[in-house]
């Protein structure tokens, strides 16, 4: 007798991946912080995607998308976005949801457990002046 079955790791089911993709025509700098500790700072060229940031579900639910406290996107013209956990800056994305602790996945392309936050040419054109 032959039995075939597949196992799915509970750990795999509790994980998901967040990536950021630059779909604008301009390079951008992405800074990610968690509790004032820098997680990553990198330049993303047009049509490039960041490495994968692996997160775990909290109580088997998605409690946001990128588990960080602060994200800054700065384009080559000095404009961009600053999103923080409390949204006190008023400089976050206005045409879609924030990539931080959002209950609304607007702005993400979701495929399985992979959430890709796309930064578009429209985001470039509507970016806030960060020099003020």
Protein backbone atom coordinates (compact mmCIF):
# COMPACT_ATOMS: atom_id res chain seq x y z
CA UNK A 1 0.00 0.00 0.00
CA UNK A 2 1.30 3.46 -0.86
CA UNK A 3 0.17 6.63 0.89
CA UNK A 4 0.99 10.02 -0.54
CA UNK A 5 0.33 13.24 1.24
CA UNK A 6 1.82 16.68 1.44
CA UNK A 7 2.65 18.65 4.52
CA UNK A 8 2.43 22.37 4.85
CA UNK A 9 4.53 23.90 7.54
CA UNK A 10 2.59 25.95 10.05
CA UNK A 11 5.51 28.36 10.00
CA UNK A 12 5.10 28.93 6.25
CA UNK A 13 1.39 29.70 6.69
CA UNK A 14 2.21 32.32 9.32
CA UNK A 15 4.63 34.22 7.07
CA UNK A 16 4.16 36.71 4.30
CA UNK A 17 6.50 38.79 2.16
CA UNK A 18 6.47 42.52 1.42
CA UNK A 19 8.36 44.03 -1.51
CA UNK A 20 8.47 47.54 -2.94
CA UNK A 21 8.58 48.10 -6.72
CA UNK A 22 9.55 51.32 -8.47
CA UNK A 23 7.22 51.68 -11.47
CA UNK A 24 8.06 55.36 -11.95
CA UNK A 25 10.47 56.69 -14.54
CA UNK A 26 12.84 58.01 -11.84
CA UNK A 27 15.21 56.44 -9.30
CA UNK A 28 14.16 56.70 -5.68
CA UNK A 29 15.69 56.16 -2.26
CA UNK A 30 13.78 54.03 0.21
CA UNK A 31 14.47 54.20 3.95
CA UNK A 32 12.78 51.72 6.28
CA UNK A 33 12.94 52.06 10.06
CA UNK A 34 11.59 50.11 12.98
CA UNK A 35 11.66 51.69 16.46
CA UNK A 36 14.22 54.24 15.27
CA UNK A 37 16.53 51.48 14.08
CA UNK A 38 17.33 51.56 10.37
CA UNK A 39 16.13 48.36 8.69
CA UNK A 40 17.25 49.23 5.19
CA UNK A 41 18.23 52.16 3.00
CA UNK A 42 18.56 51.57 -0.70
CA UNK A 43 18.20 53.14 -4.11
CA UNK A 44 15.68 51.55 -6.43
CA UNK A 45 16.01 52.23 -10.13
CA UNK A 46 12.96 52.32 -12.43
CA UNK A 47 11.34 48.87 -12.84
CA UNK A 48 13.38 47.40 -9.98
CA UNK A 49 12.03 45.67 -6.88
CA UNK A 50 13.48 45.58 -3.37
CA UNK A 51 14.55 42.40 -1.65
CA UNK A 52 11.81 40.51 0.16
CA UNK A 53 11.01 41.53 3.72
CA UNK A 54 9.51 38.56 5.56
CA UNK A 55 6.88 39.19 8.22
CA UNK A 56 4.73 37.01 10.39
CA UNK A 57 1.01 37.24 10.95
CA UNK A 58 -0.13 38.35 14.38
CA UNK A 59 -2.85 36.10 15.83
CA UNK A 60 -3.11 34.53 12.36
CA UNK A 61 -4.23 37.85 10.86
CA UNK A 62 -2.51 40.47 8.75
CA UNK A 63 -1.99 43.43 11.08
CA UNK A 64 -0.68 45.68 8.39
CA UNK A 65 1.67 45.03 5.59
CA UNK A 66 5.14 46.33 6.25
CA UNK A 67 5.85 45.92 9.98
CA UNK A 68 7.87 49.04 10.42
CA UNK A 69 7.38 52.39 12.06
CA UNK A 70 8.68 54.67 9.33
CA UNK A 71 9.10 54.64 5.56
CA UNK A 72 10.57 57.46 3.50
CA UNK A 73 10.53 57.53 -0.29
CA UNK A 74 12.64 60.27 -1.87
CA UNK A 75 12.78 60.78 -5.62
CA UNK A 76 15.71 62.30 -7.51
CA UNK A 77 13.95 65.71 -7.51
CA UNK A 78 13.87 65.87 -3.68
CA UNK A 79 10.15 65.19 -3.46
CA UNK A 80 8.64 62.11 -1.92
CA UNK A 81 6.67 60.62 0.94
CA UNK A 82 7.12 60.05 4.64
CA UNK A 83 4.81 57.54 6.26
CA UNK A 84 4.97 56.81 9.95
CA UNK A 85 2.96 54.52 12.15
CA UNK A 86 0.97 57.39 13.63
CA UNK A 87 0.58 59.25 10.30
CA UNK A 88 1.41 62.53 12.03
CA UNK A 89 3.47 63.89 9.14
CA UNK A 90 0.63 64.26 6.58
CA UNK A 91 3.29 63.45 4.00
CA UNK A 92 2.23 59.88 3.26
CA UNK A 93 0.67 58.64 0.02
CA UNK A 94 -2.72 60.24 -0.61
CA UNK A 95 -3.92 58.27 -3.62
CA UNK A 96 -3.59 54.86 -1.97
CA UNK A 97 -3.16 53.27 1.42
CA UNK A 98 -0.04 53.56 3.49
CA UNK A 99 2.30 50.57 3.38
CA UNK A 100 2.36 50.65 7.20
CA UNK A 101 -0.19 48.87 9.37
CA UNK A 102 -2.98 49.42 6.90
CA UNK A 103 -6.20 47.42 7.04
CA UNK A 104 -6.77 48.33 3.40
CA UNK A 105 -4.48 46.68 0.84
CA UNK A 106 -4.95 49.50 -1.69
CA UNK A 107 -1.64 50.09 -3.42
CA UNK A 108 -0.46 46.49 -3.02
CA UNK A 109 -0.49 43.78 -5.63
CA UNK A 110 -1.22 40.60 -3.72
CA UNK A 111 -0.18 37.20 -5.06
CA UNK A 112 -0.45 34.46 -2.47
CA UNK A 113 1.54 35.60 0.54
CA UNK A 114 3.52 38.23 -1.43
CA UNK A 115 2.47 41.87 -1.06
CA UNK A 116 4.13 44.20 -3.56
CA UNK A 117 3.74 47.93 -2.93
CA UNK A 118 4.07 49.74 -6.25
CA UNK A 119 5.41 53.27 -6.45
CA UNK A 120 4.17 54.72 -9.74
CA UNK A 121 4.80 57.65 -12.06
CA UNK A 122 1.61 59.19 -10.65
CA UNK A 123 3.18 58.95 -7.17
CA UNK A 124 6.24 60.78 -8.54
CA UNK A 125 4.10 63.57 -9.98
CA UNK A 126 2.02 63.99 -6.80
CA UNK A 127 4.91 63.71 -4.34
CA UNK A 128 5.27 66.12 -1.41
CA UNK A 129 8.09 68.65 -1.22
CA UNK A 130 10.28 67.19 1.52
CA UNK A 131 12.64 70.16 1.74
CA UNK A 132 10.25 72.16 3.92
